[in-house]
Amino acid sequence: MLSDSPHSAFSPRARSSNRGFTLIELLMVIAIIMILAGITFGISRGVQNAQARAAAKAELAVIGQALEGYKLTHGDYPWTTDGDELAKALMGWMKFNRTGTTISFDAVTASDVPANGPKSFIDATKLNYSGTLPAAATTAPGVGLFQDPWGNAYVYQYKTSGTGSWEVFGYHLYSKGGNSLDGTTVANTGVLTRPQSEDDVDNIYAGE
């Protein structure tokens, strides 16, 4: 005779307690986990991007301060749009040379370098420098440039000769931002055009 005891293996209570998750319940749990993971990833990515932008702004300020020091010493900002020449100039390895009425922007020769090295305007070890810094103070650094937190070269625009065509006071210095795209253009006169496009929406400009 079958027992009607609540502890019987065939009682409704026993069947209910032994029942597992249904497929729908499992899918709901997985969906909730995926939603929470997506939210966490989005927050983490947003924090990382904010930190990168803050670092880029700080580095732009450091480069800008070095440019002012260079101008104070040499009379003008580096005449170049080349990232390697900009880095070398701020480390003391590019200068102006005058021949009669002609002024050129050239690499420093070994004979111009004192025993303790050239006058540097920036500590390259504090930035993301893509080149190799020499061990000896009198040895010029190899090819390299200053990079933003996303691995792109900082964009520097200034007159490339002494012709006087540059009409804008100062230089242009900025990061392309996380999307690595740049629709900004700089005319020979120095006028910067900054269209409000996807390419420029996350650009970070010095002084902003």
Foldseek 3Di string as FASTA:
>chain_A
DDDPDCPDCPHPVNVVVPDDDDPVRVVVVVVVVVVVVVVVVVVVVVVVQVVLLVQQQVVLVLLVQLQVVLCVVQVHGQQDFDQQLSQQVQQAQWHWDDDPPAIAIGGDDLVRADQQAGDHSHDCVVFPWPWDDDPGRSDGTDGIGTAGPQGHGWTKDDHNGDPQLQQDPDIWTKHQGNVRADPWDADNNGDIDQDPDPRRVGMGTHPD
